[in-house]
C-alpha atoms as a PDB file:
ATOM      1  CA  UNK A   1      50.746  88.922 -80.927  1.00  0.00           C
ATOM      2  CA  UNK A   2      52.028  91.033 -78.054  1.00  0.00           C
ATOM      3  CA  UNK A   3      49.172  89.823 -75.883  1.00  0.00           C
ATOM      4  CA  UNK A   4      49.916  86.212 -76.824  1.00  0.00           C
ATOM      5  CA  UNK A   5      53.623  86.629 -76.078  1.00  0.00           C
ATOM      6  CA  UNK A   6      52.820  88.256 -72.740  1.00  0.00           C
ATOM      7  CA  UNK A   7      50.434  85.453 -71.820  1.00  0.00           C
ATOM      8  CA  UNK A   8      53.030  82.833 -72.767  1.00  0.00           C
ATOM      9  CA  UNK A   9      55.733  84.534 -70.677  1.00  0.00           C
ATOM     10  CA  UNK A  10      53.387  84.759 -67.707  1.00  0.00           C
ATOM     11  CA  UNK A  11      52.535  81.062 -67.996  1.00  0.00           C
ATOM     12  CA  UNK A  12      56.212  80.110 -68.129  1.00  0.00           C
ATOM     13  CA  UNK A  13      56.976  82.251 -65.091  1.00  0.00           C
ATOM     14  CA  UNK A  14      54.176  80.612 -63.098  1.00  0.00           C
ATOM     15  CA  UNK A  15      55.294  77.160 -64.173  1.00  0.00           C
ATOM     16  CA  UNK A  16      58.893  77.822 -63.106  1.00  0.00           C
ATOM     17  CA  UNK A  17      57.706  79.146 -59.761  1.00  0.00           C
ATOM     18  CA  UNK A  18      55.645  76.011 -59.215  1.00  0.00           C
ATOM     19  CA  UNK A  19      58.633  73.806 -60.031  1.00  0.00           C
ATOM     20  CA  UNK A  20      60.831  75.701 -57.557  1.00  0.00           C
ATOM     21  CA  UNK A  21      58.148  75.398 -54.872  1.00  0.00           C
ATOM     22  CA  UNK A  22      57.778  71.692 -55.607  1.00  0.00           C
ATOM     23  CA  UNK A  23      61.545  71.192 -55.445  1.00  0.00           C
ATOM     24  CA  UNK A  24      61.723  73.000 -52.092  1.00  0.00           C
ATOM     25  CA  UNK A  25      58.825  70.967 -50.732  1.00  0.00           C
ATOM     26  CA  UNK A  26      60.277  67.665 -51.900  1.00  0.00           C
ATOM     27  CA  UNK A  27      63.723  68.453 -50.479  1.00  0.00           C
ATOM     28  CA  UNK A  28      62.475  69.280 -46.968  1.00  0.00           C
ATOM     29  CA  UNK A  29      61.646  65.703 -45.941  1.00  0.00           C
ATOM     30  CA  UNK A  30      65.053  64.552 -47.216  1.00  0.00           C
ATOM     31  CA  UNK A  31      66.825  67.125 -45.063  1.00  0.00           C
ATOM     32  CA  UNK A  32      64.763  66.063 -42.059  1.00  0.00           C
ATOM     33  CA  UNK A  33      65.514  62.404 -42.683  1.00  0.00           C
ATOM     34  CA  UNK A  34      69.235  63.154 -42.812  1.00  0.00           C
ATOM     35  CA  UNK A  35      68.966  64.998 -39.509  1.00  0.00           C
ATOM     36  CA  UNK A  36      67.158  62.094 -37.874  1.00  0.00           C
ATOM     37  CA  UNK A  37      69.839  59.710 -39.133  1.00  0.00           C
ATOM     38  CA  UNK A  38      72.529  61.879 -37.571  1.00  0.00           C
ATOM     39  CA  UNK A  39      70.675  61.925 -34.247  1.00  0.00           C
ATOM     40  CA  UNK A  40      70.306  58.154 -34.347  1.00  0.00           C
ATOM     41  CA  UNK A  41      74.024  57.758 -34.980  1.00  0.00           C
ATOM     42  CA  UNK A  42      74.896  60.050 -32.100  1.00  0.00           C
ATOM     43  CA  UNK A  43      72.579  58.325 -29.647  1.00  0.00           C
ATOM     44  CA  UNK A  44      74.282  56.273 -26.956  1.00  0.00           C
ATOM     45  CA  UNK A  45      74.307  52.528 -27.590  1.00  0.00           C
ATOM     46  CA  UNK A  46      72.967  49.996 -25.080  1.00  0.00           C
ATOM     47  CA  UNK A  47      76.384  48.326 -24.980  1.00  0.00           C
ATOM     48  CA  UNK A  48      78.093  51.578 -24.009  1.00  0.00           C
ATOM     49  CA  UNK A  49      75.487  52.273 -21.337  1.00  0.00           C
ATOM     50  CA  UNK A  50      75.886  48.773 -19.845  1.00  0.00           C
ATOM     51  CA  UNK A  51      79.683  49.088 -19.735  1.00  0.00           C
ATOM     52  CA  UNK A  52      79.540  52.565 -18.205  1.00  0.00           C
ATOM     53  CA  UNK A  53      76.991  51.556 -15.544  1.00  0.00           C
ATOM     54  CA  UNK A  54      79.063  48.481 -14.598  1.00  0.00           C
ATOM     55  CA  UNK A  55      82.138  50.655 -14.410  1.00  0.00           C
ATOM     56  CA  UNK A  56      80.542  53.239 -12.134  1.00  0.00           C
ATOM     57  CA  UNK A  57      79.014  50.581  -9.878  1.00  0.00           C
ATOM     58  CA  UNK A  58      82.343  48.771  -9.529  1.00  0.00           C
ATOM     59  CA  UNK A  59      84.218  51.925  -8.612  1.00  0.00           C
ATOM     60  CA  UNK A  60      81.598  53.137  -6.116  1.00  0.00           C
ATOM     61  CA  UNK A  61      82.645  52.304  -2.559  1.00  0.00           C
ATOM     62  CA  UNK A  62      80.050  50.837  -0.228  1.00  0.00           C
ATOM     63  CA  UNK A  63      78.072  48.786  -2.761  1.00  0.00           C
ATOM     64  CA  UNK A  64      78.799  45.261  -4.102  1.00  0.00           C
ATOM     65  CA  UNK A  65      79.281  46.444  -7.701  1.00  0.00           C
ATOM     66  CA  UNK A  66      80.793  43.165  -8.893  1.00  0.00           C
ATOM     67  CA  UNK A  67      77.662  41.303  -7.748  1.00  0.00           C
ATOM     68  CA  UNK A  68      75.220  43.541  -9.625  1.00  0.00           C
ATOM     69  CA  UNK A  69      74.191  42.415 -13.103  1.00  0.00           C
ATOM     70  CA  UNK A  70      73.434  45.154 -15.634  1.00  0.00           C
ATOM     71  CA  UNK A  71      71.287  44.777 -18.756  1.00  0.00           C
ATOM     72  CA  UNK A  72      70.209  47.552 -21.133  1.00  0.00           C
ATOM     73  CA  UNK A  73      67.442  47.545 -23.728  1.00  0.00           C
ATOM     74  CA  UNK A  74      66.770  50.754 -25.692  1.00  0.00           C
ATOM     75  CA  UNK A  75      68.097  52.891 -22.837  1.00  0.00           C
ATOM     76  CA  UNK A  76      66.161  51.065 -20.107  1.00  0.00           C
ATOM     77  CA  UNK A  77      68.607  49.607 -17.572  1.00  0.00           C
ATOM     78  CA  UNK A  78      67.712  46.566 -15.448  1.00  0.00           C
ATOM     79  CA  UNK A  79      69.724  45.904 -12.289  1.00  0.00           C
ATOM     80  CA  UNK A  80      69.746  42.524 -10.536  1.00  0.00           C
ATOM     81  CA  UNK A  81      71.861  40.675  -7.998  1.00  0.00           C
ATOM     82  CA  UNK A  82      72.396  37.191  -6.609  1.00  0.00           C
ATOM     83  CA  UNK A  83      73.359  38.542  -3.188  1.00  0.00           C
ATOM     84  CA  UNK A  84      71.337  40.535  -0.691  1.00  0.00           C
ATOM     85  CA  UNK A  85      72.037  44.255  -0.476  1.00  0.00           C
ATOM     86  CA  UNK A  86      70.690  46.943   1.823  1.00  0.00           C
ATOM     87  CA  UNK A  87      67.996  49.427   0.822  1.00  0.00           C
ATOM     88  CA  UNK A  88      70.588  52.211   0.974  1.00  0.00           C
ATOM     89  CA  UNK A  89      72.882  50.316  -1.406  1.00  0.00           C
ATOM     90  CA  UNK A  90      69.946  49.741  -3.764  1.00  0.00           C
ATOM     91  CA  UNK A  91      69.120  53.450  -3.773  1.00  0.00           C
ATOM     92  CA  UNK A  92      72.766  54.303  -4.431  1.00  0.00           C
ATOM     93  CA  UNK A  93      72.973  51.882  -7.362  1.00  0.00           C
ATOM     94  CA  UNK A  94      69.806  53.322  -8.913  1.00  0.00           C
ATOM     95  CA  UNK A  95      70.995  56.915  -8.429  1.00  0.00           C
ATOM     96  CA  UNK A  96      74.359  56.149 -10.064  1.00  0.00           C
ATOM     97  CA  UNK A  97      72.644  54.474 -13.014  1.00  0.00           C
ATOM     98  CA  UNK A  98      70.223  57.353 -13.587  1.00  0.00           C
ATOM     99  CA  UNK A  99      73.140  59.770 -13.997  1.00  0.00           C
ATOM    100  CA  UNK A 100      74.578  57.878 -16.986  1.00  0.00           C
ATOM    101  CA  UNK A 101      74.131  59.526 -20.383  1.00  0.00           C
ATOM    102  CA  UNK A 102      71.507  57.777 -22.505  1.00  0.00           C
ATOM    103  CA  UNK A 103      69.662  56.058 -19.626  1.00  0.00           C
ATOM    104  CA  UNK A 104      65.915  56.607 -20.036  1.00  0.00           C
ATOM    105  CA  UNK A 105      64.702  54.483 -17.105  1.00  0.00           C
ATOM    106  CA  UNK A 106      65.996  52.161 -14.380  1.00  0.00           C
ATOM    107  CA  UNK A 107      64.428  48.934 -13.122  1.00  0.00           C
ATOM    108  CA  UNK A 108      65.856  47.660  -9.822  1.00  0.00           C
ATOM    109  CA  UNK A 109      63.256  44.976  -9.080  1.00  0.00           C
ATOM    110  CA  UNK A 110      65.946  42.323  -9.494  1.00  0.00           C
ATOM    111  CA  UNK A 111      68.092  43.736  -6.700  1.00  0.00           C
ATOM    112  CA  UNK A 112      67.706  41.690  -3.512  1.00  0.00           C
ATOM    113  CA  UNK A 113      67.166  44.501  -1.053  1.00  0.00           C
ATOM    114  CA  UNK A 114      66.694  44.230   2.652  1.00  0.00           C
ATOM    115  CA  UNK A 115      70.000  43.083   3.118  1.00  0.00           C
ATOM    116  CA  UNK A 116      72.334  42.979   5.983  1.00  0.00           C
ATOM    117  CA  UNK A 117      70.077  40.675   8.018  1.00  0.00           C
ATOM    118  CA  UNK A 118      69.646  38.182   5.185  1.00  0.00           C
ATOM    119  CA  UNK A 119      73.347  38.257   4.459  1.00  0.00           C
ATOM    120  CA  UNK A 120      74.181  37.392   8.086  1.00  0.00           C
ATOM    121  CA  UNK A 121      71.957  34.319   7.917  1.00  0.00           C
ATOM    122  CA  UNK A 122      73.893  32.878   4.963  1.00  0.00           C
ATOM    123  CA  UNK A 123      76.501  30.212   5.649  1.00  0.00           C
ATOM    124  CA  UNK A 124      79.667  32.323   5.826  1.00  0.00           C
ATOM    125  CA  UNK A 125      81.913  29.418   4.811  1.00  0.00           C
ATOM    126  CA  UNK A 126      79.991  28.901   1.582  1.00  0.00           C
ATOM    127  CA  UNK A 127      79.885  32.639   1.028  1.00  0.00           C
ATOM    128  CA  UNK A 128      83.644  32.976   1.388  1.00  0.00           C
ATOM    129  CA  UNK A 129      84.248  30.116  -1.036  1.00  0.00           C
ATOM    130  CA  UNK A 130      81.894  31.665  -3.560  1.00  0.00           C
ATOM    131  CA  UNK A 131      83.601  35.025  -3.188  1.00  0.00           C
ATOM    132  CA  UNK A 132      87.043  33.491  -3.718  1.00  0.00           C
ATOM    133  CA  UNK A 133      85.857  31.675  -6.822  1.00  0.00           C
ATOM    134  CA  UNK A 134      84.077  34.716  -8.229  1.00  0.00           C
ATOM    135  CA  UNK A 135      86.922  37.104  -7.471  1.00  0.00           C
ATOM    136  CA  UNK A 136      89.350  35.328  -9.775  1.00  0.00           C
ATOM    137  CA  UNK A 137      86.948  34.135 -12.483  1.00  0.00           C
ATOM    138  CA  UNK A 138      87.611  35.189 -16.065  1.00  0.00           C
ATOM    139  CA  UNK A 139      84.255  36.984 -16.198  1.00  0.00           C
ATOM    140  CA  UNK A 140      85.035  38.985 -13.077  1.00  0.00           C
ATOM    141  CA  UNK A 141      88.510  39.878 -14.352  1.00  0.00           C
ATOM    142  CA  UNK A 142      87.132  41.003 -17.729  1.00  0.00           C
ATOM    143  CA  UNK A 143      84.479  43.190 -16.095  1.00  0.00           C
ATOM    144  CA  UNK A 144      86.979  44.719 -13.671  1.00  0.00           C
ATOM    145  CA  UNK A 145      89.554  45.453 -16.374  1.00  0.00           C
ATOM    146  CA  UNK A 146      86.900  47.074 -18.585  1.00  0.00           C
ATOM    147  CA  UNK A 147      85.708  49.187 -15.684  1.00  0.00           C
ATOM    148  CA  UNK A 148      89.199  50.407 -14.825  1.00  0.00           C
ATOM    149  CA  UNK A 149      90.027  51.182 -18.463  1.00  0.00           C
ATOM    150  CA  UNK A 150      86.778  53.104 -19.003  1.00  0.00           C
ATOM    151  CA  UNK A 151      87.309  55.235 -15.904  1.00  0.00           C
ATOM    152  CA  UNK A 152      90.970  55.964 -16.635  1.00  0.00           C
ATOM    153  CA  UNK A 153      91.375  59.400 -18.196  1.00  0.00           C
ATOM    154  CA  UNK A 154      93.652  59.787 -21.190  1.00  0.00           C
ATOM    155  CA  UNK A 155      93.009  56.409 -22.814  1.00  0.00           C
ATOM    156  CA  UNK A 156      90.123  55.318 -25.105  1.00  0.00           C
ATOM    157  CA  UNK A 157      88.787  52.784 -22.592  1.00  0.00           C
ATOM    158  CA  UNK A 158      85.454  52.269 -24.345  1.00  0.00           C
ATOM    159  CA  UNK A 159      87.273  51.342 -27.569  1.00  0.00           C
ATOM    160  CA  UNK A 160      89.451  48.673 -25.962  1.00  0.00           C
ATOM    161  CA  UNK A 161      88.155  45.106 -26.127  1.00  0.00           C
ATOM    162  CA  UNK A 162      88.986  42.835 -23.191  1.00  0.00           C
ATOM    163  CA  UNK A 163      89.030  39.036 -23.252  1.00  0.00           C
ATOM    164  CA  UNK A 164      90.188  36.739 -20.448  1.00  0.00           C
ATOM    165  CA  UNK A 165      91.133  33.069 -20.630  1.00  0.00           C
ATOM    166  CA  UNK A 166      92.338  31.345 -17.451  1.00  0.00           C
ATOM    167  CA  UNK A 167      93.667  34.615 -16.068  1.00  0.00           C
ATOM    168  CA  UNK A 168      95.414  35.689 -19.271  1.00  0.00           C
ATOM    169  CA  UNK A 169      93.967  38.991 -20.489  1.00  0.00           C
ATOM    170  CA  UNK A 170      94.050  39.992 -24.166  1.00  0.00           C
ATOM    171  CA  UNK A 171      93.594  43.649 -25.072  1.00  0.00           C
ATOM    172  CA  UNK A 172      92.647  44.798 -28.572  1.00  0.00           C
ATOM    173  CA  UNK A 173      91.240  47.900 -30.229  1.00  0.00           C
ATOM    174  CA  UNK A 174      89.657  49.016 -33.477  1.00  0.00           C
ATOM    175  CA  UNK A 175      91.192  52.485 -33.135  1.00  0.00           C
ATOM    176  CA  UNK A 176      94.814  53.527 -32.944  1.00  0.00           C
ATOM    177  CA  UNK A 177      96.321  54.250 -29.525  1.00  0.00           C
ATOM    178  CA  UNK A 178      99.642  55.829 -28.619  1.00  0.00           C
ATOM    179  CA  UNK A 179     102.491  53.850 -27.095  1.00  0.00           C
ATOM    180  CA  UNK A 180     101.904  55.699 -23.837  1.00  0.00           C
ATOM    181  CA  UNK A 181      98.198  54.769 -23.839  1.00  0.00           C
ATOM    182  CA  UNK A 182      99.082  51.151 -24.623  1.00  0.00           C
ATOM    183  CA  UNK A 183     101.545  51.062 -21.717  1.00  0.00           C
ATOM    184  CA  UNK A 184      98.948  52.604 -19.382  1.00  0.00           C
ATOM    185  CA  UNK A 185      96.306  50.053 -20.396  1.00  0.00           C
ATOM    186  CA  UNK A 186      98.710  47.158 -19.795  1.00  0.00           C
ATOM    187  CA  UNK A 187      99.799  48.491 -16.390  1.00  0.00           C
ATOM    188  CA  UNK A 188      96.182  48.971 -15.278  1.00  0.00           C
ATOM    189  CA  UNK A 189      95.338  45.421 -16.342  1.00  0.00           C
ATOM    190  CA  UNK A 190      98.335  43.890 -14.564  1.00  0.00           C
ATOM    191  CA  UNK A 191      97.167  45.382 -11.251  1.00  0.00           C
ATOM    192  CA  UNK A 192      93.845  43.531 -11.327  1.00  0.00           C
ATOM    193  CA  UNK A 193      93.535  40.632  -8.920  1.00  0.00           C
ATOM    194  CA  UNK A 194      93.670  37.261 -10.672  1.00  0.00           C
ATOM    195  CA  UNK A 195      95.451  38.497 -13.816  1.00  0.00           C
ATOM    196  CA  UNK A 196      98.343  36.165 -14.643  1.00  0.00           C
ATOM    197  CA  UNK A 197      99.509  37.759 -17.892  1.00  0.00           C
ATOM    198  CA  UNK A 198      98.565  40.493 -20.358  1.00  0.00           C
ATOM    199  CA  UNK A 199      98.697  40.359 -24.152  1.00  0.00           C
ATOM    200  CA  UNK A 200      98.440  43.744 -25.848  1.00  0.00           C
ATOM    201  CA  UNK A 201      99.362  42.675 -29.388  1.00  0.00           C
ATOM    202  CA  UNK A 202      95.827  43.549 -30.504  1.00  0.00           C
ATOM    203  CA  UNK A 203      96.203  47.198 -29.500  1.00  0.00           C
ATOM    204  CA  UNK A 204      96.885  49.260 -32.610  1.00  0.00           C
ATOM    205  CA  UNK A 205      99.680  51.631 -31.676  1.00  0.00           C
ATOM    206  CA  UNK A 206     100.251  54.841 -33.645  1.00  0.00           C
END
């Protein structure tokens, strides 16, 4: 009987050990999956990258940032332009883009390089008219306001949504901002060329 009891106890001990080992093995992939999910959540979104690149290009002196179109797909940024730019300006734009967090690669094939000579051959009258029209367009205003808000320290620029309709800019946010931050955002927006009025009712003040 003692031998039987000993054998039974040994079998139970082995079985429990196997169950613990199985439980540890089965839990490992779940822990890994949770970690991957966290990394995915923390990764920088294409929308954020596009906004940040546009912002940095607009605020960089010496390059036509407002004329450079930015598109991002899974961290790969494509730069293009409808105006000619110099090789130096192209290199600067690419270098600025590469420094942005989350950018995995940069394609600048769409940038019209070679520039100053081509630009001089364009009808300057037509160019001036196009510039005047583009400078005050709602799209230009929206892009410029976003850029200035993102680069302004002390306010959640990336969380502020900007919409422009015939020069009237509406600011809104999904996160709460302080009264001081709201005032700063409005003042920054009012300084932009072409802005006729600013509505900040959509900004959630604390």
